[in-house]
Amino acid sequence: MKATSFDIAYRAGVSQSTVSRALRNSPLVNEETRLKIQAIAKELNYKVDKNARNLRSQQSHTIALLLFEDPSIHDAQINPFFLSMLGSITKACSLQGYDLLVSFQEMDTDWHAEFEDTNKADGIILLGYGDYVHYKDKLVHLNAQGTHFVRWGAEVKDMAVTTIGCDNLNGGFQITKHLLDNGHRQCAFIGTASRRAPEFNDRYRGHCQALENAHIAINGDLQIEALPTEEAGYNATKELLSRNVKFDSLFGACDLIAIGAMRALQEQGLSIPEDVAVAGFDDIPLANFTSPALTTAKQDTFLAGQLLVETLLKQIAGEKPVTLLMPTKIITRQSSGATV
């Protein structure tokens, strides 16, 4: 016959509630008892009835991961930076005993009212760039209805939203300082620098801060708007070249932009890094395989996934989590002229 938690309790000489806590790794059960109970459960080939557990707790033990639609990406492609984070989130959920429901959301749908309200998920992780001005009102709605959620991105300072992100401001500063330290004085920035893209805007602000610290005047002609795609980086760099303004280095607000920029520069017969040094942001896997390999600011996607899941579960448990910003790490490669 199929073993039950009562069978384990009888063998272990404890109550059934103690068995339940031990199998959830509850700190209320001492380690010796917990290990004894888990060993008996393994011996009896006991499996937790998730449906029964969920009915008792009124929880789905599922986290919803919502990837924002990015209007700059064709054919529902997802930025490879977020794909690498997806793997980390999946593993973190598994370690916590949660299922992960992944959904690709169109901005014009009512995704903000679909998940926790219908008991599809106990909480939501919001992932993706998107247009902040477009989805800001939905964050307000999530807050108003008491939904458990955490988002990846830049810190939201005009409302109480729990955010996990990287220190984009300092990352932008460090990348530009790296270019300056390698002798470059005319640094272009490719990427949207506005409140619609707060991550990119913070990187641009860090870029400008590094220039100001080096007593270099900000030249508006060296900043070109671009969405986070190779195509946008390519077209923006072609526009930059058409302005006939001198530049000896280029900072792409993300790696995809920088990769597109490299192609545009090389098509014009410019050598990287001899004529123009190039740097990006994210450290997607492809960055190490461009020609030349791309210098970039690395965001730790493995740690990011862990923090997103852990922070959301704290929120679900009733704790008041705080916004966390992770440091970036500059990865120097051949595209910036640095010695590797």
C-alpha atoms as a PDB file:
ATOM      1  CA  MET A   1       0.000   0.000   0.000  1.00  0.00           C
ATOM      2  CA  LYS A   2       1.041   3.622  -0.599  1.00  0.00           C
ATOM      3  CA  ALA A   3       2.834   5.070   2.430  1.00  0.00           C
ATOM      4  CA  THR A   4       1.293   8.062   4.210  1.00  0.00           C
ATOM      5  CA  SER A   5       2.680  10.735   6.511  1.00  0.00           C
ATOM      6  CA  PHE A   6       0.990   8.902   9.400  1.00  0.00           C
ATOM      7  CA  ASP A   7       3.086   5.805   8.621  1.00  0.00           C
ATOM      8  CA  ILE A   8       6.232   7.924   8.808  1.00  0.00           C
ATOM      9  CA  ALA A   9       5.053   9.503  12.068  1.00  0.00           C
ATOM     10  CA  TYR A  10       4.488   6.052  13.615  1.00  0.00           C
ATOM     11  CA  ARG A  11       7.940   4.821  12.570  1.00  0.00           C
ATOM     12  CA  ALA A  12       9.640   8.007  13.789  1.00  0.00           C
ATOM     13  CA  GLY A  13       7.676   8.271  17.008  1.00  0.00           C
ATOM     14  CA  VAL A  14       6.522  11.821  16.303  1.00  0.00           C
ATOM     15  CA  SER A  15       3.284  13.562  15.375  1.00  0.00           C
ATOM     16  CA  GLN A  16       2.023  13.821  11.805  1.00  0.00           C
ATOM     17  CA  SER A  17       2.405  17.615  11.935  1.00  0.00           C
ATOM     18  CA  THR A  18       6.072  17.170  12.830  1.00  0.00           C
ATOM     19  CA  VAL A  19       6.483  14.959   9.771  1.00  0.00           C
ATOM     20  CA  SER A  20       4.919  17.641   7.563  1.00  0.00           C
ATOM     21  CA  ARG A  21       7.238  20.281   8.941  1.00  0.00           C
ATOM     22  CA  ALA A  22      10.322  18.080   8.581  1.00  0.00           C
ATOM     23  CA  LEU A  23       9.528  17.297   4.946  1.00  0.00           C
ATOM     24  CA  ARG A  24       9.265  21.053   4.303  1.00  0.00           C
ATOM     25  CA  ASN A  25      12.682  21.573   5.961  1.00  0.00           C
ATOM     26  CA  SER A  26      11.025  23.729   8.610  1.00  0.00           C
ATOM     27  CA  PRO A  27      13.458  25.234  11.149  1.00  0.00           C
ATOM     28  CA  LEU A  28      10.890  24.329  13.840  1.00  0.00           C
ATOM     29  CA  VAL A  29      12.114  20.724  13.670  1.00  0.00           C
ATOM     30  CA  ASN A  30      15.598  20.019  15.008  1.00  0.00           C
ATOM     31  CA  GLU A  31      18.127  18.655  12.535  1.00  0.00           C
ATOM     32  CA  GLU A  32      18.399  15.172  14.064  1.00  0.00           C
ATOM     33  CA  THR A  33      14.642  14.604  13.931  1.00  0.00           C
ATOM     34  CA  ARG A  34      14.339  16.130  10.486  1.00  0.00           C
ATOM     35  CA  LEU A  35      17.035  13.879   9.015  1.00  0.00           C
ATOM     36  CA  LYS A  36      15.481  10.809  10.702  1.00  0.00           C
ATOM     37  CA  ILE A  37      12.046  11.596   9.254  1.00  0.00           C
ATOM     38  CA  GLN A  38      13.436  12.281   5.779  1.00  0.00           C
ATOM     39  CA  ALA A  39      15.356   9.003   5.848  1.00  0.00           C
ATOM     40  CA  ILE A  40      12.199   7.065   6.766  1.00  0.00           C
ATOM     41  CA  ALA A  41      10.264   8.869   4.012  1.00  0.00           C
ATOM     42  CA  LYS A  42      12.917   7.860   1.492  1.00  0.00           C
ATOM     43  CA  GLU A  43      12.898   4.253   2.740  1.00  0.00           C
ATOM     44  CA  LEU A  44       9.085   4.096   2.362  1.00  0.00           C
ATOM     45  CA  ASN A  45       9.271   5.811  -1.055  1.00  0.00           C
ATOM     46  CA  TYR A  46       6.909   8.460   0.279  1.00  0.00           C
ATOM     47  CA  LYS A  47       5.837  11.217  -2.127  1.00  0.00           C
ATOM     48  CA  VAL A  48       4.147  14.444  -1.018  1.00  0.00           C
ATOM     49  CA  ASP A  49       0.601  14.757  -2.390  1.00  0.00           C
ATOM     50  CA  LYS A  50       0.950  18.296  -3.773  1.00  0.00           C
ATOM     51  CA  ASN A  51      -2.753  18.664  -4.536  1.00  0.00           C
ATOM     52  CA  ALA A  52      -3.714  17.808  -0.968  1.00  0.00           C
ATOM     53  CA  ARG A  53      -1.002  20.075   0.419  1.00  0.00           C
ATOM     54  CA  ASN A  54      -2.162  22.965  -1.744  1.00  0.00           C
ATOM     55  CA  LEU A  55      -5.782  22.514  -0.686  1.00  0.00           C
ATOM     56  CA  ARG A  56      -4.752  22.643   2.972  1.00  0.00           C
ATOM     57  CA  SER A  57      -2.545  25.704   2.562  1.00  0.00           C
ATOM     58  CA  GLN A  58      -4.714  27.502  -0.015  1.00  0.00           C
ATOM     59  CA  GLN A  59      -1.544  27.991  -2.024  1.00  0.00           C
ATOM     60  CA  SER A  60      -0.656  26.741  -5.484  1.00  0.00           C
ATOM     61  CA  HIS A  61       3.081  26.372  -4.670  1.00  0.00           C
ATOM     62  CA  THR A  62       3.621  27.867  -8.099  1.00  0.00           C
ATOM     63  CA  ILE A  63       5.446  31.045  -9.098  1.00  0.00           C
ATOM     64  CA  ALA A  64       4.484  32.828 -12.313  1.00  0.00           C
ATOM     65  CA  LEU A  65       7.333  34.275 -14.360  1.00  0.00           C
ATOM     66  CA  LEU A  66       5.970  36.896 -16.744  1.00  0.00           C
ATOM     67  CA  LEU A  67       8.223  37.974 -19.589  1.00  0.00           C
ATOM     68  CA  PHE A  68       7.210  41.372 -20.928  1.00  0.00           C
ATOM     69  CA  GLU A  69       6.585  41.746 -24.610  1.00  0.00           C
ATOM     70  CA  ASP A  70       9.353  43.842 -26.090  1.00  0.00           C
ATOM     71  CA  PRO A  71       8.082  45.699 -29.173  1.00  0.00           C
ATOM     72  CA  SER A  72      11.634  45.860 -30.509  1.00  0.00           C
ATOM     73  CA  ILE A  73      11.951  42.074 -30.793  1.00  0.00           C
ATOM     74  CA  HIS A  74      10.501  40.403 -33.863  1.00  0.00           C
ATOM     75  CA  ASP A  75       8.837  36.977 -33.909  1.00  0.00           C
ATOM     76  CA  ALA A  76       8.538  36.790 -30.102  1.00  0.00           C
ATOM     77  CA  GLN A  77      12.291  36.421 -29.619  1.00  0.00           C
ATOM     78  CA  ILE A  78      13.585  36.910 -26.084  1.00  0.00           C
ATOM     79  CA  ASN A  79      16.748  38.797 -25.214  1.00  0.00           C
ATOM     80  CA  PRO A  80      19.386  36.105 -24.476  1.00  0.00           C
ATOM     81  CA  PHE A  81      20.239  37.903 -21.233  1.00  0.00           C
ATOM     82  CA  PHE A  82      16.801  36.997 -19.885  1.00  0.00           C
ATOM     83  CA  LEU A  83      17.065  33.446 -21.189  1.00  0.00           C
ATOM     84  CA  SER A  84      20.139  32.895 -19.019  1.00  0.00           C
ATOM     85  CA  MET A  85      18.267  34.301 -16.016  1.00  0.00           C
ATOM     86  CA  LEU A  86      15.333  31.978 -16.775  1.00  0.00           C
ATOM     87  CA  GLY A  87      17.545  28.946 -16.133  1.00  0.00           C
ATOM     88  CA  SER A  88      18.617  30.320 -12.751  1.00  0.00           C
ATOM     89  CA  ILE A  89      15.023  31.109 -11.735  1.00  0.00           C
ATOM     90  CA  THR A  90      13.894  27.619 -12.719  1.00  0.00           C
ATOM     91  CA  LYS A  91      16.610  26.005 -10.589  1.00  0.00           C
ATOM     92  CA  ALA A  92      15.904  28.290  -7.621  1.00  0.00           C
ATOM     93  CA  CYS A  93      12.188  27.414  -7.737  1.00  0.00           C
ATOM     94  CA  SER A  94      12.968  23.712  -7.843  1.00  0.00           C
ATOM     95  CA  LEU A  95      15.238  23.964  -4.809  1.00  0.00           C
ATOM     96  CA  GLN A  96      12.432  25.707  -2.904  1.00  0.00           C
ATOM     97  CA  GLY A  97       9.851  23.067  -3.908  1.00  0.00           C
ATOM     98  CA  TYR A  98       7.929  25.404  -6.205  1.00  0.00           C
ATOM     99  CA  ASP A  99       6.709  24.919  -9.749  1.00  0.00           C
ATOM    100  CA  LEU A 100       7.387  27.664 -12.287  1.00  0.00           C
ATOM    101  CA  LEU A 101       4.766  28.902 -14.726  1.00  0.00           C
ATOM    102  CA  VAL A 102       6.345  30.873 -17.575  1.00  0.00           C
ATOM    103  CA  SER A 103       4.203  33.190 -19.660  1.00  0.00           C
ATOM    104  CA  PHE A 104       4.980  35.695 -22.406  1.00  0.00           C
ATOM    105  CA  GLN A 105       2.821  38.773 -21.867  1.00  0.00           C
ATOM    106  CA  GLU A 106       1.566  41.284 -24.393  1.00  0.00           C
ATOM    107  CA  MET A 107       1.527  44.767 -22.910  1.00  0.00           C
ATOM    108  CA  ASP A 108      -2.075  45.456 -23.903  1.00  0.00           C
ATOM    109  CA  THR A 109      -3.531  42.453 -22.037  1.00  0.00           C
ATOM    110  CA  ASP A 110      -4.671  42.348 -18.413  1.00  0.00           C
ATOM    111  CA  TRP A 111      -1.774  40.161 -17.245  1.00  0.00           C
ATOM    112  CA  HIS A 112      -1.708  42.067 -13.968  1.00  0.00           C
ATOM    113  CA  ALA A 113      -5.094  40.577 -12.971  1.00  0.00           C
ATOM    114  CA  GLU A 114      -4.668  37.065 -14.321  1.00  0.00           C
ATOM    115  CA  PHE A 115      -2.432  35.054 -12.034  1.00  0.00           C
ATOM    116  CA  GLU A 116      -2.528  35.401  -8.282  1.00  0.00           C
ATOM    117  CA  ASP A 117      -6.213  36.433  -8.355  1.00  0.00           C
ATOM    118  CA  THR A 118      -7.153  33.160 -10.060  1.00  0.00           C
ATOM    119  CA  ASN A 119      -4.860  31.070  -7.799  1.00  0.00           C
ATOM    120  CA  LYS A 120      -2.656  30.154 -10.728  1.00  0.00           C
ATOM    121  CA  ALA A 121       0.330  31.341  -8.723  1.00  0.00           C
ATOM    122  CA  ASP A 122       1.232  32.490  -5.235  1.00  0.00           C
ATOM    123  CA  GLY A 123       3.342  35.314  -6.592  1.00  0.00           C
ATOM    124  CA  ILE A 124       4.757  36.867  -9.750  1.00  0.00           C
ATOM    125  CA  ILE A 125       8.238  37.629 -11.064  1.00  0.00           C
ATOM    126  CA  LEU A 126       8.273  40.345 -13.736  1.00  0.00           C
ATOM    127  CA  LEU A 127      11.144  40.029 -16.177  1.00  0.00           C
ATOM    128  CA  GLY A 128      12.084  41.985 -19.273  1.00  0.00           C
ATOM    129  CA  TYR A 129      12.822  45.519 -20.358  1.00  0.00           C
ATOM    130  CA  GLY A 130       9.569  46.738 -21.861  1.00  0.00           C
ATOM    131  CA  ASP A 131       8.521  50.391 -21.820  1.00  0.00           C
ATOM    132  CA  TYR A 132       8.348  51.549 -18.192  1.00  0.00           C
ATOM    133  CA  VAL A 133       5.904  54.353 -18.989  1.00  0.00           C
ATOM    134  CA  HIS A 134       3.637  51.757 -20.627  1.00  0.00           C
ATOM    135  CA  TYR A 135       3.537  49.268 -17.751  1.00  0.00           C
ATOM    136  CA  LYS A 136       3.909  51.600 -14.743  1.00  0.00           C
ATOM    137  CA  ASP A 137       0.111  51.794 -14.208  1.00  0.00           C
ATOM    138  CA  LYS A 138      -0.049  47.999 -13.970  1.00  0.00           C
ATOM    139  CA  LEU A 139       2.523  48.014 -11.178  1.00  0.00           C
ATOM    140  CA  VAL A 140       0.275  50.474  -9.362  1.00  0.00           C
ATOM    141  CA  HIS A 141      -2.656  48.074  -9.841  1.00  0.00           C
ATOM    142  CA  LEU A 142      -0.655  45.094  -8.559  1.00  0.00           C
ATOM    143  CA  ASN A 143       0.240  47.083  -5.447  1.00  0.00           C
ATOM    144  CA  ALA A 144      -3.344  48.177  -4.899  1.00  0.00           C
ATOM    145  CA  GLN A 145      -4.724  44.626  -4.992  1.00  0.00           C
ATOM    146  CA  GLY A 146      -2.011  43.288  -2.690  1.00  0.00           C
ATOM    147  CA  THR A 147      -0.420  40.948  -5.215  1.00  0.00           C
ATOM    148  CA  HIS A 148       2.881  39.378  -4.215  1.00  0.00           C
ATOM    149  CA  PHE A 149       5.366  40.347  -6.910  1.00  0.00           C
ATOM    150  CA  VAL A 150       8.981  41.289  -7.493  1.00  0.00           C
ATOM    151  CA  ARG A 151      10.509  42.732 -10.646  1.00  0.00           C
ATOM    152  CA  TRP A 152      13.907  42.750 -12.271  1.00  0.00           C
ATOM    153  CA  GLY A 153      15.224  46.133 -13.327  1.00  0.00           C
ATOM    154  CA  ALA A 154      16.097  49.601 -12.132  1.00  0.00           C
ATOM    155  CA  GLU A 155      14.923  50.734  -8.718  1.00  0.00           C
ATOM    156  CA  VAL A 156      11.435  52.272  -8.736  1.00  0.00           C
ATOM    157  CA  LYS A 157      11.588  55.370  -6.531  1.00  0.00           C
ATOM    158  CA  ASP A 158       8.095  56.781  -7.051  1.00  0.00           C
ATOM    159  CA  MET A 159       6.184  53.804  -5.605  1.00  0.00           C
ATOM    160  CA  ALA A 160       6.659  50.884  -3.199  1.00  0.00           C
ATOM    161  CA  VAL A 161       7.796  48.147  -5.597  1.00  0.00           C
ATOM    162  CA  THR A 162      10.261  45.430  -4.612  1.00  0.00           C
ATOM    163  CA  THR A 163      12.996  45.287  -7.240  1.00  0.00           C
ATOM    164  CA  ILE A 164      16.075  43.154  -7.785  1.00  0.00           C
ATOM    165  CA  GLY A 165      18.525  44.641 -10.232  1.00  0.00           C
ATOM    166  CA  CYS A 166      22.109  45.593 -10.851  1.00  0.00           C
ATOM    167  CA  ASP A 167      23.808  48.889 -10.097  1.00  0.00           C
ATOM    168  CA  ASN A 168      23.359  50.245 -13.615  1.00  0.00           C
ATOM    169  CA  LEU A 169      24.642  53.702 -12.661  1.00  0.00           C
ATOM    170  CA  ASN A 170      27.957  52.414 -11.351  1.00  0.00           C
ATOM    171  CA  GLY A 171      28.204  49.847 -14.152  1.00  0.00           C
ATOM    172  CA  GLY A 172      27.865  52.603 -16.760  1.00  0.00           C
ATOM    173  CA  PHE A 173      30.441  54.668 -14.892  1.00  0.00           C
ATOM    174  CA  GLN A 174      32.935  51.781 -14.720  1.00  0.00           C
ATOM    175  CA  ILE A 175      32.612  50.865 -18.410  1.00  0.00           C
ATOM    176  CA  THR A 176      33.205  54.465 -19.525  1.00  0.00           C
ATOM    177  CA  LYS A 177      36.065  54.866 -17.048  1.00  0.00           C
ATOM    178  CA  HIS A 178      37.616  51.710 -18.517  1.00  0.00           C
ATOM    179  CA  LEU A 179      37.461  53.257 -21.996  1.00  0.00           C
ATOM    180  CA  LEU A 180      38.947  56.499 -20.683  1.00  0.00           C
ATOM    181  CA  ASP A 181      41.702  54.650 -18.843  1.00  0.00           C
ATOM    182  CA  ASN A 182      42.664  53.031 -22.149  1.00  0.00           C
ATOM    183  CA  GLY A 183      43.273  56.436 -23.706  1.00  0.00           C
ATOM    184  CA  HIS A 184      39.926  57.124 -25.389  1.00  0.00           C
ATOM    185  CA  ARG A 185      38.530  60.633 -24.981  1.00  0.00           C
ATOM    186  CA  GLN A 186      35.587  60.867 -27.396  1.00  0.00           C
ATOM    187  CA  CYS A 187      33.094  58.275 -26.158  1.00  0.00           C
ATOM    188  CA  ALA A 188      29.766  57.682 -27.897  1.00  0.00           C
ATOM    189  CA  PHE A 189      26.747  56.112 -26.151  1.00  0.00           C
ATOM    190  CA  ILE A 190      24.191  54.041 -28.077  1.00  0.00           C
ATOM    191  CA  GLY A 191      20.936  53.355 -26.230  1.00  0.00           C
ATOM    192  CA  THR A 192      17.688  54.974 -25.100  1.00  0.00           C
ATOM    193  CA  ALA A 193      18.394  57.499 -22.343  1.00  0.00           C
ATOM    194  CA  SER A 194      14.961  58.368 -20.961  1.00  0.00           C
ATOM    195  CA  ARG A 195      12.482  57.358 -18.254  1.00  0.00           C
ATOM    196  CA  ARG A 196      10.988  54.856 -20.721  1.00  0.00           C
ATOM    197  CA  ALA A 197      14.119  52.732 -20.274  1.00  0.00           C
ATOM    198  CA  PRO A 198      15.329  53.366 -16.691  1.00  0.00           C
ATOM    199  CA  GLU A 199      18.060  50.704 -16.866  1.00  0.00           C
ATOM    200  CA  PHE A 200      19.614  52.281 -19.959  1.00  0.00           C
ATOM    201  CA  ASN A 201      19.078  55.754 -18.557  1.00  0.00           C
ATOM    202  CA  ASP A 202      21.037  54.878 -15.407  1.00  0.00           C
ATOM    203  CA  ARG A 203      23.856  53.475 -17.555  1.00  0.00           C
ATOM    204  CA  TYR A 204      23.923  56.710 -19.547  1.00  0.00           C
ATOM    205  CA  ARG A 205      24.003  58.780 -16.359  1.00  0.00           C
ATOM    206  CA  GLY A 206      26.972  56.726 -15.153  1.00  0.00           C
ATOM    207  CA  HIS A 207      28.619  57.256 -18.544  1.00  0.00           C
ATOM    208  CA  CYS A 208      28.172  61.022 -18.259  1.00  0.00           C
ATOM    209  CA  GLN A 209      29.461  61.023 -14.691  1.00  0.00           C
ATOM    210  CA  ALA A 210      32.684  59.319 -15.776  1.00  0.00           C
ATOM    211  CA  LEU A 211      33.171  61.879 -18.553  1.00  0.00           C
ATOM    212  CA  GLU A 212      32.559  64.780 -16.163  1.00  0.00           C
ATOM    213  CA  ASN A 213      35.030  63.340 -13.651  1.00  0.00           C
ATOM    214  CA  ALA A 214      37.612  63.298 -16.465  1.00  0.00           C
ATOM    215  CA  HIS A 215      36.736  66.938 -17.308  1.00  0.00           C
ATOM    216  CA  ILE A 216      35.314  65.958 -20.692  1.00  0.00           C
ATOM    217  CA  ALA A 217      32.282  67.926 -21.889  1.00  0.00           C
ATOM    218  CA  ILE A 218      29.106  65.959 -22.689  1.00  0.00           C
ATOM    219  CA  ASN A 219      28.477  66.056 -26.448  1.00  0.00           C
ATOM    220  CA  GLY A 220      24.804  65.367 -27.246  1.00  0.00           C
ATOM    221  CA  ASP A 221      25.729  64.399 -30.811  1.00  0.00           C
ATOM    222  CA  LEU A 222      27.516  61.329 -29.421  1.00  0.00           C
ATOM    223  CA  GLN A 223      24.340  59.835 -27.918  1.00  0.00           C
ATOM    224  CA  ILE A 224      21.927  57.969 -30.213  1.00  0.00           C
ATOM    225  CA  GLU A 225      18.643  56.383 -29.103  1.00  0.00           C
ATOM    226  CA  ALA A 226      18.406  52.616 -29.654  1.00  0.00           C
ATOM    227  CA  LEU A 227      16.235  49.737 -28.484  1.00  0.00           C
ATOM    228  CA  PRO A 228      17.931  46.574 -27.158  1.00  0.00           C
ATOM    229  CA  THR A 229      18.557  44.717 -30.443  1.00  0.00           C
ATOM    230  CA  GLU A 230      21.467  44.141 -32.803  1.00  0.00           C
ATOM    231  CA  GLU A 231      19.508  45.808 -35.610  1.00  0.00           C
ATOM    232  CA  ALA A 232      18.867  48.919 -33.528  1.00  0.00           C
ATOM    233  CA  GLY A 233      22.541  49.124 -32.562  1.00  0.00           C
ATOM    234  CA  TYR A 234      23.552  48.719 -36.196  1.00  0.00           C
ATOM    235  CA  ASN A 235      21.196  51.453 -37.441  1.00  0.00           C
ATOM    236  CA  ALA A 236      22.043  53.846 -34.612  1.00  0.00           C
ATOM    237  CA  THR A 237      25.759  53.495 -35.302  1.00  0.00           C
ATOM    238  CA  LYS A 238      25.192  54.187 -38.998  1.00  0.00           C
ATOM    239  CA  GLU A 239      23.361  57.361 -37.974  1.00  0.00           C
ATOM    240  CA  LEU A 240      26.239  58.288 -35.675  1.00  0.00           C
ATOM    241  CA  LEU A 241      28.718  57.830 -38.509  1.00  0.00           C
ATOM    242  CA  SER A 242      26.582  59.998 -40.794  1.00  0.00           C
ATOM    243  CA  ARG A 243      26.842  62.916 -38.345  1.00  0.00           C
ATOM    244  CA  ASN A 244      30.556  63.234 -39.096  1.00  0.00           C
ATOM    245  CA  VAL A 245      31.307  63.746 -35.414  1.00  0.00           C
ATOM    246  CA  LYS A 246      34.600  62.378 -34.133  1.00  0.00           C
ATOM    247  CA  PHE A 247      34.536  59.452 -31.693  1.00  0.00           C
ATOM    248  CA  ASP A 248      37.186  56.934 -30.720  1.00  0.00           C
ATOM    249  CA  SER A 249      35.084  54.651 -28.524  1.00  0.00           C
ATOM    250  CA  LEU A 250      31.488  53.434 -28.264  1.00  0.00           C
ATOM    251  CA  PHE A 251      29.489  52.172 -25.282  1.00  0.00           C
ATOM    252  CA  GLY A 252      26.441  50.102 -26.230  1.00  0.00           C
ATOM    253  CA  ALA A 253      23.763  50.165 -23.506  1.00  0.00           C
ATOM    254  CA  CYS A 254      23.504  46.370 -23.843  1.00  0.00           C
ATOM    255  CA  ASP A 255      25.546  43.700 -25.569  1.00  0.00           C
ATOM    256  CA  LEU A 256      23.050  43.288 -28.417  1.00  0.00           C
ATOM    257  CA  ILE A 257      23.357  47.008 -29.257  1.00  0.00           C
ATOM    258  CA  ALA A 258      27.160  46.802 -29.058  1.00  0.00           C
ATOM    259  CA  ILE A 259      27.246  43.755 -31.365  1.00  0.00           C
ATOM    260  CA  GLY A 260      25.124  45.577 -33.950  1.00  0.00           C
ATOM    261  CA  ALA A 261      27.394  48.615 -33.609  1.00  0.00           C
ATOM    262  CA  MET A 262      30.478  46.494 -34.265  1.00  0.00           C
ATOM    263  CA  ARG A 263      29.024  45.299 -37.542  1.00  0.00           C
ATOM    264  CA  ALA A 264      28.220  48.846 -38.679  1.00  0.00           C
ATOM    265  CA  LEU A 265      31.741  50.031 -37.822  1.00  0.00           C
ATOM    266  CA  GLN A 266      33.403  47.123 -39.600  1.00  0.00           C
ATOM    267  CA  GLU A 267      31.263  47.629 -42.712  1.00  0.00           C
ATOM    268  CA  GLN A 268      32.639  51.180 -42.864  1.00  0.00           C
ATOM    269  CA  GLY A 269      36.160  49.796 -42.844  1.00  0.00           C
ATOM    270  CA  LEU A 270      36.857  50.807 -39.247  1.00  0.00           C
ATOM    271  CA  SER A 271      39.008  48.504 -37.165  1.00  0.00           C
ATOM    272  CA  ILE A 272      38.009  47.498 -33.619  1.00  0.00           C
ATOM    273  CA  PRO A 273      39.640  48.518 -31.296  1.00  0.00           C
ATOM    274  CA  GLU A 274      42.345  50.365 -33.264  1.00  0.00           C
ATOM    275  CA  ASP A 275      39.959  52.943 -34.787  1.00  0.00           C
ATOM    276  CA  VAL A 276      37.034  52.620 -32.375  1.00  0.00           C
ATOM    277  CA  ALA A 277      36.972  50.732 -29.081  1.00  0.00           C
ATOM    278  CA  VAL A 278      33.633  49.097 -28.236  1.00  0.00           C
ATOM    279  CA  ALA A 279      32.066  47.972 -24.957  1.00  0.00           C
ATOM    280  CA  GLY A 280      28.648  46.578 -24.021  1.00  0.00           C
ATOM    281  CA  PHE A 281      26.618  45.649 -20.959  1.00  0.00           C
ATOM    282  CA  ASP A 282      25.207  42.277 -19.715  1.00  0.00           C
ATOM    283  CA  ASP A 283      27.878  39.723 -20.732  1.00  0.00           C
ATOM    284  CA  ILE A 284      25.568  37.465 -22.722  1.00  0.00           C
ATOM    285  CA  PRO A 285      27.283  34.227 -23.904  1.00  0.00           C
ATOM    286  CA  LEU A 286      27.705  35.604 -27.436  1.00  0.00           C
ATOM    287  CA  ALA A 287      29.866  38.479 -26.130  1.00  0.00           C
ATOM    288  CA  ASN A 288      32.852  36.137 -25.802  1.00  0.00           C
ATOM    289  CA  PHE A 289      32.470  34.899 -29.382  1.00  0.00           C
ATOM    290  CA  THR A 290      32.245  38.137 -31.368  1.00  0.00           C
ATOM    291  CA  SER A 291      35.234  39.202 -33.430  1.00  0.00           C
ATOM    292  CA  PRO A 292      36.909  40.764 -31.589  1.00  0.00           C
ATOM    293  CA  ALA A 293      35.501  39.502 -28.277  1.00  0.00           C
ATOM    294  CA  LEU A 294      33.369  42.134 -26.552  1.00  0.00           C
ATOM    295  CA  THR A 295      34.334  43.990 -23.375  1.00  0.00           C
ATOM    296  CA  THR A 296      31.235  44.315 -21.195  1.00  0.00           C
ATOM    297  CA  ALA A 297      29.776  44.866 -17.733  1.00  0.00           C
ATOM    298  CA  LYS A 298      28.702  41.492 -16.378  1.00  0.00           C
ATOM    299  CA  GLN A 299      25.410  41.063 -14.557  1.00  0.00           C
ATOM    300  CA  ASP A 300      25.352  37.888 -12.451  1.00  0.00           C
ATOM    301  CA  THR A 301      22.246  36.140 -13.819  1.00  0.00           C
ATOM    302  CA  PHE A 302      22.705  33.111 -11.555  1.00  0.00           C
ATOM    303  CA  LEU A 303      22.620  35.242  -8.403  1.00  0.00           C
ATOM    304  CA  ALA A 304      19.828  37.363  -9.861  1.00  0.00           C
ATOM    305  CA  GLY A 305      17.558  34.330 -10.313  1.00  0.00           C
ATOM    306  CA  GLN A 306      18.207  33.182  -6.752  1.00  0.00           C
ATOM    307  CA  LEU A 307      17.480  36.624  -5.306  1.00  0.00           C
ATOM    308  CA  LEU A 308      14.272  37.059  -7.304  1.00  0.00           C
ATOM    309  CA  VAL A 309      12.849  33.748  -6.050  1.00  0.00           C
ATOM    310  CA  GLU A 310      14.049  34.147  -2.455  1.00  0.00           C
ATOM    311  CA  THR A 311      12.729  37.711  -2.240  1.00  0.00           C
ATOM    312  CA  LEU A 312       9.332  36.741  -3.618  1.00  0.00           C
ATOM    313  CA  LEU A 313       9.001  33.809  -1.199  1.00  0.00           C
ATOM    314  CA  LYS A 314       9.809  36.120   1.725  1.00  0.00           C
ATOM    315  CA  GLN A 315       7.041  38.400   0.537  1.00  0.00           C
ATOM    316  CA  ILE A 316       4.595  35.485   0.270  1.00  0.00           C
ATOM    317  CA  ALA A 317       5.559  34.448   3.821  1.00  0.00           C
ATOM    318  CA  GLY A 318       4.599  37.888   5.108  1.00  0.00           C
ATOM    319  CA  GLU A 319       8.019  39.464   5.373  1.00  0.00           C
ATOM    320  CA  LYS A 320       8.730  42.925   4.020  1.00  0.00           C
ATOM    321  CA  PRO A 321      11.546  42.482   1.493  1.00  0.00           C
ATOM    322  CA  VAL A 322      13.748  45.318   0.311  1.00  0.00           C
ATOM    323  CA  THR A 323      15.066  46.358  -3.083  1.00  0.00           C
ATOM    324  CA  LEU A 324      18.541  44.971  -3.819  1.00  0.00           C
ATOM    325  CA  LEU A 325      21.072  46.214  -6.365  1.00  0.00           C
ATOM    326  CA  MET A 326      23.878  43.838  -7.336  1.00  0.00           C
ATOM    327  CA  PRO A 327      27.315  45.137  -8.368  1.00  0.00           C
ATOM    328  CA  THR A 328      28.511  44.639 -11.928  1.00  0.00           C
ATOM    329  CA  LYS A 329      31.921  43.302 -12.910  1.00  0.00           C
ATOM    330  CA  ILE A 330      33.852  44.661 -15.878  1.00  0.00           C
ATOM    331  CA  ILE A 331      34.923  41.845 -18.221  1.00  0.00           C
ATOM    332  CA  THR A 332      37.775  43.133 -20.376  1.00  0.00           C
ATOM    333  CA  ARG A 333      38.230  41.640 -23.834  1.00  0.00           C
ATOM    334  CA  GLN A 334      39.819  42.649 -27.131  1.00  0.00           C
ATOM    335  CA  SER A 335      37.098  45.051 -28.369  1.00  0.00           C
ATOM    336  CA  SER A 336      38.206  47.808 -25.984  1.00  0.00           C
ATOM    337  CA  GLY A 337      41.912  47.415 -26.622  1.00  0.00           C
ATOM    338  CA  ALA A 338      42.507  46.099 -23.125  1.00  0.00           C
ATOM    339  CA  THR A 339      45.133  43.469 -22.396  1.00  0.00           C
ATOM    340  CA  VAL A 340      43.290  40.232 -21.580  1.00  0.00           C
END
